[in-house]
Amino acid sequence: MLYAAIRKRSVGYGAAAAGYAAATGSWIYLSELYEDATMPALASVAMVLFVLGPWLFGTVHSLAVRRQVFDVAAPYAPGNEHALAVAQQRRALREQARELAERDPALARELRIGRPDLPRQYDDGGLVDLNRAPAAVIAGLPGLTPALAEQIVRVRDQVGGFVSAEDVSAAASLPPNLTADLAEYGIFLP
């Protein structure tokens, strides 16, 4: 409960933690007080309550507040929450992969960033290297057809590669509405 109080900055959880600590402290006090002496019946009952009370109520209370404290999402969150969280995670992975590729293009090529057609261990969030990926992989990008992917590969071979989504769109004469998706999912490794 103390952890819950600190994490959620909750006075209520703090009071609960203090109550459980006080009951446990009372049990320790009573056990020390009557360690060698004959214990009165009322003290025996109090000791049992002070040891079992915090344990039982603390366990039930911890289970009851678990989701509020730890923000535990269900494995399959209701509605679209799970899908949204996965999409945001994939976007973050794409950004991390782009930053790595910008800092160290050779490492990016070694990790096979943007090459889902090759065996790899690095998760780049679904990027496709438009300078190296085959047409079949490029065709899997949103809005692209196999014919447009072949056109991109043909132009890529003629010009030697691309530097941006706008460059691909202009050089391959793609419809303007595809540029945003190419910018989101495409990477252009030298």
Protein backbone atom coordinates (compact mmCIF):
# COMPACT_ATOMS: atom_id res chain seq x y z
CA MET A 1 0.00 0.00 0.00
CA LEU A 2 2.90 2.36 0.65
CA TYR A 3 4.11 1.76 -2.90
CA ALA A 4 0.57 2.44 -4.17
CA ALA A 5 0.43 5.66 -2.13
CA ILE A 6 3.75 6.85 -3.57
CA ARG A 7 3.02 5.81 -7.13
CA LYS A 8 -0.48 7.32 -7.24
CA ARG A 9 0.22 10.14 -4.75
CA SER A 10 -2.84 9.04 -2.82
CA VAL A 11 -3.56 10.03 0.78
CA GLY A 12 -6.08 7.19 1.02
CA TYR A 13 -3.51 4.56 0.09
CA GLY A 14 -1.08 6.20 2.50
CA ALA A 15 -3.62 5.99 5.32
CA ALA A 16 -4.24 2.32 4.51
CA ALA A 17 -0.49 1.64 4.56
CA ALA A 18 -0.22 3.41 7.93
CA GLY A 19 -3.13 1.37 9.30
CA TYR A 20 -1.59 -1.92 8.20
CA ALA A 21 1.76 -0.87 9.63
CA ALA A 22 0.15 0.15 12.93
CA ALA A 23 -1.66 -3.20 13.24
CA THR A 24 1.55 -5.10 12.49
CA GLY A 25 3.45 -2.90 14.97
CA SER A 26 0.80 -3.62 17.61
CA TRP A 27 1.24 -7.35 17.05
CA ILE A 28 5.01 -7.01 17.46
CA TYR A 29 4.54 -4.93 20.62
CA LEU A 30 2.11 -7.42 22.16
CA SER A 31 4.31 -10.39 21.27
CA GLU A 32 7.30 -8.71 22.95
CA LEU A 33 5.25 -7.60 25.94
CA TYR A 34 3.88 -11.07 26.72
CA GLU A 35 6.80 -13.14 25.47
CA ASP A 36 7.72 -14.66 28.85
CA ALA A 37 4.55 -13.90 30.79
CA THR A 38 1.16 -15.54 30.80
CA MET A 39 -0.93 -13.77 28.23
CA PRO A 40 -4.46 -12.61 29.11
CA ALA A 41 -7.22 -13.88 26.83
CA LEU A 42 -7.98 -10.41 25.48
CA ALA A 43 -4.32 -9.92 24.53
CA SER A 44 -4.33 -13.30 22.74
CA VAL A 45 -7.36 -12.32 20.70
CA ALA A 46 -5.80 -8.93 19.93
CA MET A 47 -2.56 -10.59 18.80
CA VAL A 48 -4.42 -12.91 16.44
CA LEU A 49 -6.39 -9.99 15.01
CA PHE A 50 -3.27 -7.82 14.66
CA VAL A 51 -1.39 -10.54 12.77
CA LEU A 52 -4.24 -11.88 10.61
CA GLY A 53 -6.05 -8.58 10.01
CA PRO A 54 -3.31 -6.76 8.08
CA TRP A 55 -2.39 -9.92 6.21
CA LEU A 56 -5.95 -10.76 5.13
CA PHE A 57 -7.28 -7.25 4.54
CA GLY A 58 -3.99 -6.10 2.98
CA THR A 59 -4.06 -8.96 0.50
CA VAL A 60 -7.69 -8.33 -0.47
CA HIS A 61 -7.10 -4.58 -0.63
CA SER A 62 -3.98 -5.02 -2.79
CA LEU A 63 -5.88 -7.20 -5.23
CA ALA A 64 -8.74 -4.71 -5.34
CA VAL A 65 -6.54 -1.73 -6.23
CA ARG A 66 -4.06 -3.57 -8.47
CA ARG A 67 -5.41 -2.21 -11.76
CA GLN A 68 -5.54 1.39 -10.53
CA VAL A 69 -1.98 1.26 -9.22
CA PHE A 70 -0.21 -0.70 -11.94
CA ASP A 71 -2.39 0.31 -14.91
CA VAL A 72 -2.52 -3.33 -15.92
CA ALA A 73 -4.14 -3.62 -19.32
CA ALA A 74 -6.05 -6.74 -20.09
CA PRO A 75 -4.31 -8.92 -22.69
CA TYR A 76 -7.13 -8.08 -25.06
CA ALA A 77 -8.36 -4.67 -23.99
CA PRO A 78 -11.99 -3.92 -24.77
CA GLY A 79 -12.74 -1.95 -27.85
CA ASN A 80 -9.90 -0.54 -29.84
CA GLU A 81 -7.53 0.22 -26.96
CA HIS A 82 -5.31 -2.79 -27.60
CA ALA A 83 -5.07 -2.12 -31.34
CA LEU A 84 -4.27 1.53 -30.66
CA ALA A 85 -1.51 0.62 -28.21
CA VAL A 86 0.03 -1.82 -30.70
CA ALA A 87 -0.07 0.77 -33.51
CA GLN A 88 1.58 3.38 -31.29
CA GLN A 89 4.27 0.88 -30.31
CA ARG A 90 4.93 0.04 -33.97
CA ARG A 91 5.22 3.76 -34.78
CA ALA A 92 7.73 4.21 -31.93
CA LEU A 93 9.76 1.26 -33.27
CA ARG A 94 9.83 2.87 -36.73
CA GLU A 95 11.09 6.14 -35.25
CA GLN A 96 13.82 4.33 -33.29
CA ALA A 97 14.90 2.45 -36.41
CA ARG A 98 15.01 5.68 -38.44
CA GLU A 99 17.14 7.38 -35.77
CA LEU A 100 19.53 4.42 -35.72
CA ALA A 101 19.74 4.41 -39.53
CA GLU A 102 20.47 8.13 -39.58
CA ARG A 103 23.30 7.73 -37.04
CA ASP A 104 24.76 4.55 -38.50
CA PRO A 105 23.53 3.47 -41.96
CA ALA A 106 25.97 0.54 -42.10
CA LEU A 107 24.57 -0.86 -38.85
CA ALA A 108 21.04 -0.34 -40.16
CA ARG A 109 21.89 -2.39 -43.25
CA GLU A 110 23.51 -5.08 -41.09
CA LEU A 111 20.37 -5.23 -38.91
CA ARG A 112 18.37 -5.43 -42.14
CA ILE A 113 16.19 -2.50 -41.25
CA GLY A 114 13.52 -2.12 -43.91
CA ARG A 115 14.07 -5.63 -45.25
CA PRO A 116 11.22 -7.86 -44.04
CA ASP A 117 12.04 -10.21 -46.93
CA LEU A 118 15.33 -11.21 -45.23
CA PRO A 119 15.81 -13.11 -41.97
CA ARG A 120 16.43 -10.67 -39.13
CA GLN A 121 16.06 -10.17 -35.42
CA TYR A 122 15.66 -6.39 -35.20
CA ASP A 123 12.06 -5.14 -35.11
CA ASP A 124 11.88 -1.94 -37.14
CA GLY A 125 8.12 -1.52 -36.78
CA GLY A 126 7.33 -2.39 -40.39
CA LEU A 127 9.70 -0.15 -42.32
CA VAL A 128 10.49 -0.94 -45.96
CA ASP A 129 13.77 0.17 -47.53
CA LEU A 130 12.60 1.56 -50.85
CA ASN A 131 16.19 1.56 -52.10
CA ARG A 132 16.71 -2.20 -51.65
CA ALA A 133 13.46 -4.09 -51.01
CA PRO A 134 11.97 -6.19 -53.81
CA ALA A 135 8.78 -5.13 -55.54
CA ALA A 136 6.72 -7.80 -53.72
CA VAL A 137 7.59 -6.22 -50.35
CA ILE A 138 7.03 -2.67 -51.58
CA ALA A 139 3.60 -3.73 -52.89
CA GLY A 140 2.62 -4.53 -49.28
CA LEU A 141 2.77 -0.85 -48.30
CA PRO A 142 -0.57 0.93 -47.86
CA GLY A 143 -2.05 2.12 -51.12
CA LEU A 144 0.52 0.48 -53.38
CA THR A 145 -0.34 -2.11 -55.99
CA PRO A 146 2.04 -4.64 -57.55
CA ALA A 147 2.14 -2.48 -60.70
CA LEU A 148 3.11 0.65 -58.74
CA ALA A 149 5.73 -1.33 -56.79
CA GLU A 150 7.25 -2.57 -60.06
CA GLN A 151 7.26 1.02 -61.32
CA ILE A 152 9.13 2.15 -58.17
CA VAL A 153 11.73 -0.62 -58.61
CA ARG A 154 12.17 0.22 -62.30
CA VAL A 155 12.73 3.92 -61.56
CA ARG A 156 14.98 3.06 -58.58
CA ASP A 157 17.21 1.01 -60.87
CA GLN A 158 17.37 3.90 -63.35
CA VAL A 159 18.12 6.70 -60.87
CA GLY A 160 20.19 4.68 -58.40
CA GLY A 161 17.96 5.17 -55.34
CA PHE A 162 15.80 7.65 -53.50
CA VAL A 163 16.34 10.07 -50.62
CA SER A 164 12.76 10.70 -49.47
CA ALA A 165 9.11 9.82 -49.97
CA GLU A 166 8.67 12.95 -52.06
CA ASP A 167 11.58 11.86 -54.25
CA VAL A 168 9.95 8.45 -54.85
CA SER A 169 6.58 10.02 -55.60
CA ALA A 170 8.02 12.51 -58.07
CA ALA A 171 10.47 10.17 -59.80
CA ALA A 172 8.01 7.29 -60.13
CA SER A 173 5.03 9.55 -60.95
CA LEU A 174 2.96 8.16 -58.08
CA PRO A 175 -0.40 9.57 -57.01
CA PRO A 176 0.15 12.36 -54.45
CA ASN A 177 -2.01 10.66 -51.82
CA LEU A 178 0.62 7.89 -51.44
CA THR A 179 3.40 10.22 -50.29
CA ALA A 180 2.29 10.32 -46.64
CA ASP A 181 2.21 6.51 -46.37
CA LEU A 182 5.60 6.24 -48.08
CA ALA A 183 6.98 8.72 -45.54
CA GLU A 184 5.49 6.73 -42.64
CA TYR A 185 6.60 3.25 -43.73
CA GLY A 186 9.48 3.91 -46.06
CA ILE A 187 13.16 4.26 -45.25
CA PHE A 188 15.85 5.27 -47.71
CA LEU A 189 19.16 3.69 -46.79
CA PRO A 190 22.12 4.79 -48.91
